[in-house]
Amino acid sequence: MMSKSMSFWALPLIFPLVVGGGWAQLGQKHKQVSFLNSAVDEKTVVRFFYYPAGDYIRIPLLFRVVEEDNPVLNTAPMREEGRTVYISLPEMRNLVQALTRSGLGWEETEAVEVLGSYKDLTRAGIGLDTMDVRVVTAKGTAKADISPRAICMILKPLDAALKTPRPLWEFQGFRLNYGCKVPGFKPHSYPDH
């Protein structure tokens, strides 16, 4: 009899803790909203890099924003940071949104990373075990890793974000380098590659 009366007294004490804890968790999740979608602007850069151990040298693929009337739009020159593809701001927004929907676990920081030479990446151990994906904005840096087995599955849906021919071609060629199937890819479309 004593245990029943104790359980009735304990219930009013436990119920607010359980419900209150649930509300606290909801509040925490709301505070952890990603800056990725809200921070995309002209300074946003997306970089993909994977250098499997024992493989030949791999070059990172970067996407940078330029105005739609800029002559470098739809080009992909080789730079110190890697192959740099120039896209419009709407394409960058689409690319970052597609990345946020990809299911990757993003590690975010308010530090705005400066992307240096691709030659320094392997010395730092970046991209050796997994594909390193970075989104650098004016508000911070987000980083995610893609396991080698998931590269093709994660990257394929990102094609839909790229509407300009050269960026799409570069991204599809990048995927081919990792054994992904890209039906209809024409390898000689851009001889300056």
N, C-alpha and C. Protein backbone atom coordinates (compact mmCIF):
# COMPACT_ATOMS: atom_id res chain seq x y z
N MET A 1 0.82 -1.18 0.00
CA MET A 1 0.00 0.00 0.00
C MET A 1 0.86 1.25 0.00
N MET A 2 1.94 1.17 0.71
CA MET A 2 2.84 2.31 0.82
C MET A 2 3.45 2.66 -0.54
N SER A 3 3.78 1.66 -1.34
CA SER A 3 4.41 1.92 -2.63
C SER A 3 3.44 2.60 -3.59
N LYS A 4 2.12 2.28 -3.52
CA LYS A 4 1.16 2.92 -4.40
C LYS A 4 1.04 4.40 -4.10
N SER A 5 0.98 4.75 -2.82
CA SER A 5 0.84 6.16 -2.47
C SER A 5 2.10 6.94 -2.83
N MET A 6 3.25 6.28 -2.72
CA MET A 6 4.50 6.95 -3.11
C MET A 6 4.53 7.19 -4.62
N SER A 7 4.03 6.23 -5.39
CA SER A 7 4.05 6.40 -6.84
C SER A 7 3.14 7.54 -7.27
N PHE A 8 2.00 7.73 -6.58
CA PHE A 8 1.12 8.85 -6.92
C PHE A 8 1.78 10.18 -6.59
N TRP A 9 2.57 10.23 -5.52
CA TRP A 9 3.28 11.47 -5.17
C TRP A 9 4.45 11.72 -6.11
N ALA A 10 5.07 10.64 -6.57
CA ALA A 10 6.22 10.79 -7.46
C ALA A 10 5.80 11.23 -8.86
N LEU A 11 4.62 10.79 -9.29
CA LEU A 11 4.15 11.12 -10.64
C LEU A 11 4.09 12.63 -10.88
N PRO A 12 3.52 13.42 -9.99
CA PRO A 12 3.52 14.87 -10.25
C PRO A 12 4.92 15.48 -10.31
N LEU A 13 5.87 14.84 -9.68
CA LEU A 13 7.24 15.36 -9.70
C LEU A 13 7.96 14.96 -10.99
N ILE A 14 7.72 13.76 -11.44
CA ILE A 14 8.42 13.24 -12.62
C ILE A 14 7.82 13.81 -13.91
N PHE A 15 6.49 13.93 -13.99
CA PHE A 15 5.84 14.39 -15.22
C PHE A 15 6.38 15.74 -15.71
N PRO A 16 6.50 16.76 -14.84
CA PRO A 16 7.05 18.03 -15.34
C PRO A 16 8.50 17.90 -15.82
N LEU A 17 9.27 17.02 -15.20
CA LEU A 17 10.66 16.84 -15.64
C LEU A 17 10.71 16.24 -17.03
N VAL A 18 9.87 15.23 -17.28
CA VAL A 18 9.86 14.57 -18.59
C VAL A 18 9.36 15.54 -19.65
N VAL A 19 8.22 16.18 -19.40
CA VAL A 19 7.67 17.13 -20.37
C VAL A 19 8.59 18.32 -20.53
N GLY A 20 9.08 18.84 -19.41
CA GLY A 20 10.00 19.99 -19.47
C GLY A 20 11.26 19.65 -20.21
N GLY A 21 11.78 18.43 -20.01
CA GLY A 21 12.98 17.99 -20.73
C GLY A 21 12.73 17.93 -22.22
N GLY A 22 11.53 17.47 -22.60
CA GLY A 22 11.19 17.42 -24.02
C GLY A 22 11.14 18.81 -24.62
N TRP A 23 10.54 19.76 -23.89
CA TRP A 23 10.49 21.13 -24.40
C TRP A 23 11.88 21.74 -24.48
N ALA A 24 12.73 21.40 -23.52
CA ALA A 24 14.10 21.92 -23.55
C ALA A 24 14.84 21.38 -24.76
N GLN A 25 14.62 20.09 -25.07
CA GLN A 25 15.29 19.53 -26.25
C GLN A 25 14.78 20.17 -27.52
N LEU A 26 13.48 20.43 -27.60
CA LEU A 26 12.96 21.11 -28.78
C LEU A 26 13.62 22.47 -28.94
N GLY A 27 13.77 23.19 -27.84
CA GLY A 27 14.42 24.50 -27.89
C GLY A 27 15.87 24.40 -28.33
N GLN A 28 16.56 23.36 -27.87
CA GLN A 28 17.96 23.17 -28.27
C GLN A 28 18.07 22.91 -29.75
N LYS A 29 17.20 22.06 -30.27
CA LYS A 29 17.26 21.75 -31.70
C LYS A 29 17.01 23.01 -32.51
N HIS A 30 16.11 23.84 -32.06
CA HIS A 30 15.82 25.07 -32.78
C HIS A 30 17.02 26.00 -32.80
N LYS A 31 17.79 26.02 -31.73
CA LYS A 31 18.97 26.89 -31.66
C LYS A 31 20.10 26.40 -32.56
N GLN A 32 20.08 25.12 -32.91
CA GLN A 32 21.17 24.54 -33.70
C GLN A 32 20.90 24.60 -35.20
N VAL A 33 20.11 25.55 -35.65
CA VAL A 33 19.81 25.68 -37.07
C VAL A 33 21.09 25.98 -37.84
N SER A 34 21.28 25.29 -38.93
CA SER A 34 22.47 25.43 -39.75
C SER A 34 22.53 26.81 -40.40
N PHE A 35 23.71 27.37 -40.47
CA PHE A 35 23.89 28.65 -41.16
C PHE A 35 24.06 28.44 -42.66
N LEU A 36 24.18 27.21 -43.10
CA LEU A 36 24.50 26.94 -44.50
C LEU A 36 23.55 27.63 -45.47
N ASN A 37 22.25 27.45 -45.31
CA ASN A 37 21.31 28.04 -46.27
C ASN A 37 21.20 29.55 -46.13
N SER A 38 21.26 30.04 -44.92
CA SER A 38 21.06 31.47 -44.71
C SER A 38 22.29 32.30 -45.06
N ALA A 39 23.45 31.68 -45.14
CA ALA A 39 24.68 32.45 -45.31
C ALA A 39 25.24 32.44 -46.73
N VAL A 40 24.57 31.81 -47.67
CA VAL A 40 25.11 31.73 -49.03
C VAL A 40 25.08 33.11 -49.67
N ASP A 41 26.28 33.56 -50.10
CA ASP A 41 26.39 34.86 -50.76
C ASP A 41 27.53 34.81 -51.77
N GLU A 42 27.95 35.96 -52.25
CA GLU A 42 28.99 36.04 -53.28
C GLU A 42 30.34 35.50 -52.83
N LYS A 43 30.56 35.38 -51.53
CA LYS A 43 31.84 34.90 -51.02
C LYS A 43 31.84 33.39 -50.73
N THR A 44 30.73 32.75 -50.93
CA THR A 44 30.61 31.32 -50.63
C THR A 44 31.47 30.48 -51.58
N VAL A 45 32.14 29.49 -51.00
CA VAL A 45 32.96 28.54 -51.76
C VAL A 45 32.61 27.14 -51.29
N VAL A 46 32.47 26.23 -52.24
CA VAL A 46 32.27 24.81 -51.92
C VAL A 46 33.46 24.05 -52.49
N ARG A 47 34.06 23.19 -51.65
CA ARG A 47 35.21 22.41 -52.11
C ARG A 47 34.97 20.92 -51.82
N PHE A 48 35.28 20.10 -52.83
CA PHE A 48 35.24 18.65 -52.71
C PHE A 48 36.67 18.15 -52.90
N PHE A 49 37.12 17.27 -51.99
CA PHE A 49 38.48 16.74 -52.13
C PHE A 49 38.55 15.33 -51.55
N TYR A 50 39.13 14.42 -52.36
CA TYR A 50 39.37 13.05 -51.91
C TYR A 50 40.63 12.56 -52.59
N TYR A 51 41.54 12.04 -51.78
CA TYR A 51 42.82 11.54 -52.28
C TYR A 51 43.08 10.18 -51.65
N PRO A 52 42.51 9.13 -52.23
CA PRO A 52 42.71 7.80 -51.65
C PRO A 52 44.19 7.44 -51.56
N ALA A 53 44.58 6.84 -50.46
CA ALA A 53 45.97 6.45 -50.25
C ALA A 53 46.45 5.57 -51.40
N GLY A 54 47.64 5.87 -51.90
CA GLY A 54 48.25 5.09 -52.96
C GLY A 54 47.75 5.45 -54.35
N ASP A 55 46.82 6.38 -54.44
CA ASP A 55 46.28 6.79 -55.73
C ASP A 55 47.14 7.90 -56.31
N TYR A 56 46.96 8.18 -57.60
CA TYR A 56 47.69 9.30 -58.19
C TYR A 56 47.13 10.61 -57.64
N ILE A 57 47.85 11.69 -57.82
CA ILE A 57 47.47 12.98 -57.23
C ILE A 57 46.09 13.39 -57.71
N ARG A 58 45.27 13.75 -56.78
CA ARG A 58 43.91 14.23 -57.07
C ARG A 58 43.86 15.72 -56.76
N ILE A 59 43.09 16.42 -57.55
CA ILE A 59 42.96 17.87 -57.40
C ILE A 59 41.57 18.17 -56.84
N PRO A 60 41.46 19.07 -55.87
CA PRO A 60 40.14 19.43 -55.36
C PRO A 60 39.31 20.12 -56.45
N LEU A 61 38.00 20.00 -56.32
CA LEU A 61 37.07 20.71 -57.18
C LEU A 61 36.38 21.75 -56.33
N LEU A 62 36.50 23.02 -56.75
CA LEU A 62 35.91 24.13 -56.01
C LEU A 62 34.86 24.82 -56.86
N PHE A 63 33.84 25.33 -56.20
CA PHE A 63 32.83 26.16 -56.85
C PHE A 63 32.86 27.53 -56.20
N ARG A 64 32.96 28.56 -57.03
CA ARG A 64 32.98 29.95 -56.57
C ARG A 64 31.91 30.74 -57.30
N VAL A 65 31.41 31.78 -56.65
CA VAL A 65 30.35 32.61 -57.21
C VAL A 65 30.93 33.79 -57.98
N VAL A 66 30.34 34.06 -59.16
CA VAL A 66 30.62 35.29 -59.91
C VAL A 66 29.28 35.83 -60.42
N GLU A 67 29.27 37.11 -60.75
CA GLU A 67 28.05 37.71 -61.30
C GLU A 67 27.74 37.09 -62.65
N GLU A 68 26.47 37.10 -63.01
CA GLU A 68 26.04 36.41 -64.23
C GLU A 68 26.58 37.04 -65.51
N ASP A 69 27.06 38.29 -65.44
CA ASP A 69 27.64 38.91 -66.64
C ASP A 69 29.17 38.86 -66.64
N ASN A 70 29.75 38.18 -65.66
CA ASN A 70 31.20 38.07 -65.55
C ASN A 70 31.71 37.06 -66.59
N PRO A 71 32.77 37.40 -67.34
CA PRO A 71 33.27 36.50 -68.38
C PRO A 71 33.82 35.17 -67.86
N VAL A 72 34.15 35.06 -66.57
CA VAL A 72 34.65 33.78 -66.05
C VAL A 72 33.53 32.81 -65.70
N LEU A 73 32.27 33.28 -65.72
CA LEU A 73 31.15 32.38 -65.49
C LEU A 73 31.20 31.27 -66.55
N ASN A 74 30.95 30.06 -66.12
CA ASN A 74 30.96 28.91 -67.02
C ASN A 74 32.37 28.54 -67.47
N THR A 75 33.38 28.88 -66.65
CA THR A 75 34.75 28.46 -66.91
C THR A 75 35.25 27.67 -65.71
N ALA A 76 36.39 26.99 -65.87
CA ALA A 76 36.93 26.17 -64.79
C ALA A 76 38.45 26.12 -64.85
N PRO A 77 39.11 27.24 -64.59
CA PRO A 77 40.57 27.23 -64.65
C PRO A 77 41.20 26.50 -63.45
N MET A 78 42.44 26.08 -63.66
CA MET A 78 43.21 25.48 -62.58
C MET A 78 43.82 26.60 -61.77
N ARG A 79 43.61 26.59 -60.46
CA ARG A 79 44.16 27.59 -59.55
C ARG A 79 44.95 26.86 -58.46
N GLU A 80 45.62 27.63 -57.63
CA GLU A 80 46.42 27.06 -56.54
C GLU A 80 45.55 26.21 -55.59
N GLU A 81 44.29 26.61 -55.42
CA GLU A 81 43.37 25.87 -54.54
C GLU A 81 42.85 24.59 -55.18
N GLY A 82 42.91 24.51 -56.51
CA GLY A 82 42.39 23.36 -57.24
C GLY A 82 41.64 23.80 -58.48
N ARG A 83 40.91 22.88 -59.10
CA ARG A 83 40.08 23.21 -60.27
C ARG A 83 38.94 24.08 -59.76
N THR A 84 38.88 25.32 -60.25
CA THR A 84 37.91 26.29 -59.74
C THR A 84 36.84 26.56 -60.79
N VAL A 85 35.62 26.18 -60.46
CA VAL A 85 34.48 26.32 -61.35
C VAL A 85 33.68 27.54 -60.91
N TYR A 86 33.39 28.42 -61.86
CA TYR A 86 32.67 29.65 -61.54
C TYR A 86 31.20 29.50 -61.90
N ILE A 87 30.35 29.74 -60.90
CA ILE A 87 28.91 29.60 -61.07
C ILE A 87 28.19 30.85 -60.58
N SER A 88 26.93 30.96 -60.93
CA SER A 88 26.12 32.11 -60.50
C SER A 88 25.68 31.92 -59.04
N LEU A 89 25.24 33.01 -58.43
CA LEU A 89 24.76 32.94 -57.06
C LEU A 89 23.55 32.01 -56.93
N PRO A 90 22.56 32.05 -57.85
CA PRO A 90 21.45 31.09 -57.73
C PRO A 90 21.92 29.63 -57.80
N GLU A 91 22.90 29.34 -58.65
CA GLU A 91 23.43 27.97 -58.71
C GLU A 91 24.10 27.59 -57.40
N MET A 92 24.85 28.52 -56.81
CA MET A 92 25.51 28.23 -55.52
C MET A 92 24.47 27.95 -54.45
N ARG A 93 23.41 28.75 -54.44
CA ARG A 93 22.35 28.50 -53.45
C ARG A 93 21.75 27.11 -53.66
N ASN A 94 21.51 26.74 -54.92
CA ASN A 94 20.97 25.41 -55.21
C ASN A 94 21.93 24.32 -54.77
N LEU A 95 23.22 24.51 -55.02
CA LEU A 95 24.23 23.52 -54.64
C LEU A 95 24.29 23.34 -53.13
N VAL A 96 24.32 24.44 -52.40
CA VAL A 96 24.39 24.36 -50.93
C VAL A 96 23.11 23.75 -50.37
N GLN A 97 21.96 24.12 -50.92
CA GLN A 97 20.70 23.51 -50.46
C GLN A 97 20.71 22.01 -50.71
N ALA A 98 21.20 21.59 -51.87
CA ALA A 98 21.28 20.16 -52.17
C ALA A 98 22.22 19.46 -51.20
N LEU A 99 23.31 20.10 -50.84
CA LEU A 99 24.24 19.52 -49.86
C LEU A 99 23.58 19.40 -48.49
N THR A 100 22.80 20.39 -48.09
CA THR A 100 22.16 20.32 -46.77
C THR A 100 21.09 19.23 -46.73
N ARG A 101 20.51 18.90 -47.88
CA ARG A 101 19.50 17.82 -47.95
C ARG A 101 20.14 16.44 -48.15
N SER A 102 21.45 16.39 -48.30
CA SER A 102 22.14 15.14 -48.64
C SER A 102 22.23 14.14 -47.49
N GLY A 103 21.92 14.57 -46.29
CA GLY A 103 22.00 13.68 -45.14
C GLY A 103 23.39 13.62 -44.51
N LEU A 104 24.32 14.44 -44.98
CA LEU A 104 25.66 14.46 -44.40
C LEU A 104 25.61 15.08 -43.01
N GLY A 105 26.51 14.65 -42.15
CA GLY A 105 26.64 15.23 -40.81
C GLY A 105 27.61 16.40 -40.88
N TRP A 106 27.10 17.60 -40.74
CA TRP A 106 27.93 18.80 -40.89
C TRP A 106 28.49 19.24 -39.55
N GLU A 107 29.75 19.55 -39.57
CA GLU A 107 30.44 20.15 -38.41
C GLU A 107 30.64 21.62 -38.77
N GLU A 108 30.02 22.51 -38.00
CA GLU A 108 30.06 23.93 -38.34
C GLU A 108 30.86 24.72 -37.31
N THR A 109 31.51 25.75 -37.81
CA THR A 109 32.26 26.65 -36.95
C THR A 109 32.11 28.07 -37.47
N GLU A 110 32.22 29.03 -36.58
CA GLU A 110 32.14 30.43 -36.99
C GLU A 110 33.43 30.93 -37.63
N ALA A 111 34.48 30.13 -37.56
CA ALA A 111 35.75 30.51 -38.18
C ALA A 111 35.61 30.40 -39.70
N VAL A 112 35.99 31.44 -40.39
CA VAL A 112 35.95 31.45 -41.85
C VAL A 112 37.28 30.90 -42.34
N GLU A 113 37.26 29.71 -42.88
CA GLU A 113 38.50 29.05 -43.31
C GLU A 113 39.03 29.67 -44.59
N VAL A 114 40.34 29.82 -44.64
CA VAL A 114 41.00 30.28 -45.86
C VAL A 114 41.51 29.02 -46.55
N LEU A 115 41.04 28.81 -47.77
CA LEU A 115 41.44 27.61 -48.51
C LEU A 115 42.76 27.88 -49.22
N GLY A 116 43.77 27.16 -48.82
CA GLY A 116 45.10 27.35 -49.40
C GLY A 116 45.36 26.40 -50.54
N SER A 117 46.62 26.17 -50.81
CA SER A 117 47.05 25.32 -51.91
C SER A 117 46.60 23.87 -51.70
N TYR A 118 46.18 23.24 -52.76
CA TYR A 118 45.78 21.84 -52.67
C TYR A 118 46.96 20.95 -52.30
N LYS A 119 48.17 21.42 -52.53
CA LYS A 119 49.36 20.62 -52.21
C LYS A 119 49.51 20.43 -50.71
N ASP A 120 48.92 21.32 -49.92
CA ASP A 120 49.01 21.22 -48.46
C ASP A 120 47.96 20.30 -47.85
N LEU A 121 46.96 19.93 -48.62
CA LEU A 121 45.85 19.14 -48.07
C LEU A 121 46.29 17.76 -47.63
N THR A 122 47.02 17.06 -48.47
CA THR A 122 47.41 15.70 -48.11
C THR A 122 48.42 15.69 -46.97
N ARG A 123 49.26 16.72 -46.89
CA ARG A 123 50.19 16.80 -45.76
C ARG A 123 49.44 16.95 -44.45
N ALA A 124 48.26 17.57 -44.51
CA ALA A 124 47.44 17.74 -43.31
C ALA A 124 46.54 16.52 -43.08
N GLY A 125 46.60 15.54 -43.99
CA GLY A 125 45.79 14.33 -43.83
C GLY A 125 44.36 14.49 -44.30
N ILE A 126 44.04 15.59 -44.97
CA ILE A 126 42.67 15.84 -45.43
C ILE A 126 42.41 15.04 -46.69
N GLY A 127 41.27 14.37 -46.72
CA GLY A 127 40.85 13.64 -47.90
C GLY A 127 41.50 12.29 -48.10
N LEU A 128 42.23 11.79 -47.10
CA LEU A 128 42.92 10.51 -47.28
C LEU A 128 42.00 9.31 -47.05
N ASP A 129 41.10 9.39 -46.08
CA ASP A 129 40.22 8.27 -45.77
C ASP A 129 38.81 8.46 -46.30
N THR A 130 38.38 9.71 -46.38
CA THR A 130 37.03 10.04 -46.82
C THR A 130 37.09 11.27 -47.72
N MET A 131 36.01 11.48 -48.49
CA MET A 131 35.94 12.71 -49.28
C MET A 131 35.61 13.85 -48.33
N ASP A 132 36.40 14.89 -48.38
CA ASP A 132 36.22 16.08 -47.55
C ASP A 132 35.39 17.10 -48.33
N VAL A 133 34.29 17.55 -47.75
CA VAL A 133 33.45 18.56 -48.37
C VAL A 133 33.42 19.75 -47.43
N ARG A 134 33.73 20.92 -47.98
CA ARG A 134 33.71 22.15 -47.17
C ARG A 134 32.87 23.20 -47.84
N VAL A 135 32.11 23.91 -47.03
CA VAL A 135 31.35 25.07 -47.49
C VAL A 135 31.83 26.23 -46.64
N VAL A 136 32.46 27.21 -47.30
CA VAL A 136 32.98 28.37 -46.60
C VAL A 136 32.12 29.56 -46.99
N THR A 137 31.58 30.24 -45.97
CA THR A 137 30.77 31.43 -46.20
C THR A 137 31.35 32.58 -45.40
N ALA A 138 30.75 33.73 -45.52
CA ALA A 138 31.20 34.89 -44.74
C ALA A 138 30.89 34.71 -43.26
N LYS A 139 30.01 33.77 -42.91
CA LYS A 139 29.62 33.55 -41.51
C LYS A 139 30.32 32.37 -40.86
N GLY A 140 31.07 31.58 -41.63
CA GLY A 140 31.75 30.44 -41.03
C GLY A 140 32.04 29.35 -42.04
N THR A 141 32.42 28.19 -41.52
CA THR A 141 32.80 27.05 -42.35
C THR A 141 32.04 25.81 -41.89
N ALA A 142 31.54 25.06 -42.84
CA ALA A 142 30.89 23.78 -42.55
C ALA A 142 31.70 22.69 -43.24
N LYS A 143 31.89 21.57 -42.53
CA LYS A 143 32.70 20.47 -43.04
C LYS A 143 31.92 19.18 -42.87
N ALA A 144 32.00 18.33 -43.89
CA ALA A 144 31.41 16.99 -43.83
C ALA A 144 32.33 16.01 -44.54
N ASP A 145 32.21 14.75 -44.18
CA ASP A 145 32.99 13.69 -44.80
C ASP A 145 32.04 12.71 -45.47
N ILE A 146 32.46 12.19 -46.63
CA ILE A 146 31.70 11.17 -47.34
C ILE A 146 32.56 9.92 -47.41
N SER A 147 32.02 8.80 -46.96
CA SER A 147 32.77 7.55 -47.03
C SER A 147 32.94 7.15 -48.49
N PRO A 148 34.02 6.48 -48.83
CA PRO A 148 34.26 6.09 -50.22
C PRO A 148 33.09 5.33 -50.85
N ARG A 149 32.42 4.48 -50.07
CA ARG A 149 31.30 3.70 -50.60
C ARG A 149 30.09 4.56 -50.91
N ALA A 150 29.97 5.73 -50.29
CA ALA A 150 28.78 6.58 -50.47
C ALA A 150 29.00 7.73 -51.45
N ILE A 151 30.20 7.89 -51.98
CA ILE A 151 30.51 9.03 -52.83
C ILE A 151 29.52 9.15 -54.00
N CYS A 152 29.34 8.10 -54.75
CA CYS A 152 28.47 8.16 -55.94
C CYS A 152 27.03 8.47 -55.56
N MET A 153 26.54 7.84 -54.51
CA MET A 153 25.17 8.03 -54.07
C MET A 153 24.93 9.46 -53.58
N ILE A 154 25.87 10.02 -52.83
CA ILE A 154 25.71 11.37 -52.27
C ILE A 154 25.87 12.44 -53.36
N LEU A 155 26.84 12.26 -54.26
CA LEU A 155 27.14 13.31 -55.24
C LEU A 155 26.16 13.35 -56.42
N LYS A 156 25.60 12.22 -56.82
CA LYS A 156 24.73 12.20 -58.01
C LYS A 156 23.59 13.21 -57.95
N PRO A 157 22.83 13.32 -56.85
CA PRO A 157 21.72 14.28 -56.82
C PRO A 157 22.16 15.74 -56.94
N LEU A 158 23.43 16.03 -56.72
CA LEU A 158 23.91 17.42 -56.79
C LEU A 158 23.95 17.92 -58.23
N ASP A 159 23.93 17.01 -59.21
CA ASP A 159 23.88 17.42 -60.63
C ASP A 159 22.74 18.40 -60.89
N ALA A 160 21.59 18.15 -60.26
CA ALA A 160 20.39 18.95 -60.51
C ALA A 160 20.58 20.41 -60.09
N ALA A 161 21.52 20.69 -59.22
CA ALA A 161 21.76 22.06 -58.75
C ALA A 161 22.52 22.90 -59.78
N LEU A 162 23.21 22.24 -60.70
CA LEU A 162 24.08 22.93 -61.64
C LEU A 162 23.40 23.04 -63.01
N LYS A 163 23.06 24.25 -63.39
CA LYS A 163 22.34 24.49 -64.65
C LYS A 163 23.26 24.92 -65.79
N THR A 164 24.42 25.48 -65.46
CA THR A 164 25.35 25.96 -66.47
C THR A 164 26.16 24.77 -66.99
N PRO A 165 26.38 24.68 -68.32
CA PRO A 165 27.01 23.48 -68.89
C PRO A 165 28.39 23.13 -68.34
N ARG A 166 29.29 24.07 -68.25
CA ARG A 166 30.66 23.74 -67.83
C ARG A 166 30.72 23.26 -66.38
N PRO A 167 30.07 23.95 -65.44
CA PRO A 167 30.10 23.43 -64.07
C PRO A 167 29.54 22.01 -63.96
N LEU A 168 28.45 21.74 -64.66
CA LEU A 168 27.87 20.40 -64.63
C LEU A 168 28.85 19.38 -65.21
N TRP A 169 29.48 19.72 -66.33
CA TRP A 169 30.45 18.83 -66.96
C TRP A 169 31.63 18.55 -66.02
N GLU A 170 32.15 19.59 -65.38
CA GLU A 170 33.27 19.42 -64.45
C GLU A 170 32.88 18.52 -63.28
N PHE A 171 31.68 18.73 -62.75
CA PHE A 171 31.24 17.94 -61.61
C PHE A 171 31.02 16.48 -62.00
N GLN A 172 30.46 16.25 -63.18
CA GLN A 172 30.26 14.88 -63.64
C GLN A 172 31.60 14.19 -63.91
N GLY A 173 32.55 14.91 -64.48
CA GLY A 173 33.88 14.35 -64.70
C GLY A 173 34.58 14.03 -63.39
N PHE A 174 34.39 14.88 -62.40
CA PHE A 174 34.94 14.66 -61.06
C PHE A 174 34.37 13.36 -60.49
N ARG A 175 33.07 13.17 -60.64
CA ARG A 175 32.43 11.94 -60.15
C ARG A 175 32.97 10.71 -60.88
N LEU A 176 33.18 10.82 -62.18
CA LEU A 176 33.73 9.70 -62.96
C LEU A 176 35.09 9.26 -62.42
N ASN A 177 35.88 10.21 -61.96
CA ASN A 177 37.21 9.89 -61.41
C ASN A 177 37.14 8.96 -60.21
N TYR A 178 35.98 8.88 -59.57
CA TYR A 178 35.83 8.03 -58.39
C TYR A 178 34.96 6.81 -58.68
N GLY A 179 34.85 6.47 -59.96
CA GLY A 179 34.15 5.26 -60.35
C GLY A 179 32.63 5.38 -60.42
N CYS A 180 32.11 6.58 -60.39
CA CYS A 180 30.66 6.77 -60.48
C CYS A 180 30.20 6.65 -61.93
N LYS A 181 29.00 6.17 -62.13
CA LYS A 181 28.43 6.10 -63.47
C LYS A 181 27.76 7.42 -63.80
N VAL A 182 28.08 7.96 -64.97
CA VAL A 182 27.50 9.22 -65.43
C VAL A 182 27.06 9.00 -66.89
N PRO A 183 25.84 8.50 -67.09
CA PRO A 183 25.38 8.23 -68.45
C PRO A 183 25.37 9.50 -69.30
N GLY A 184 25.83 9.38 -70.54
CA GLY A 184 25.81 10.50 -71.47
C GLY A 184 26.94 11.49 -71.33
N PHE A 185 27.88 11.24 -70.44
CA PHE A 185 29.00 12.17 -70.26
C PHE A 185 29.87 12.17 -71.50
N LYS A 186 30.20 13.37 -72.00
CA LYS A 186 31.06 13.50 -73.19
C LYS A 186 32.41 14.04 -72.74
N PRO A 187 33.42 13.19 -72.63
CA PRO A 187 34.71 13.59 -72.05
C PRO A 187 35.46 14.67 -72.82
N HIS A 188 35.19 14.86 -74.10
CA HIS A 188 35.96 15.82 -74.89
C HIS A 188 35.20 17.12 -75.15
N SER A 189 34.18 17.39 -74.36
CA SER A 189 33.36 18.60 -74.57
C SER A 189 34.15 19.89 -74.34
N TYR A 190 35.12 19.85 -73.43
CA TYR A 190 35.90 21.04 -73.09
C TYR A 190 37.38 20.70 -73.20
N PRO A 191 37.98 20.91 -74.37
CA PRO A 191 39.38 20.53 -74.58
C PRO A 191 40.37 21.30 -73.69
N ASP A 192 39.96 22.45 -73.13
CA ASP A 192 40.87 23.23 -72.29
C ASP A 192 40.99 22.66 -70.88
N HIS A 193 40.30 21.59 -70.59
CA HIS A 193 40.32 20.99 -69.23
C HIS A 193 41.69 20.42 -68.91
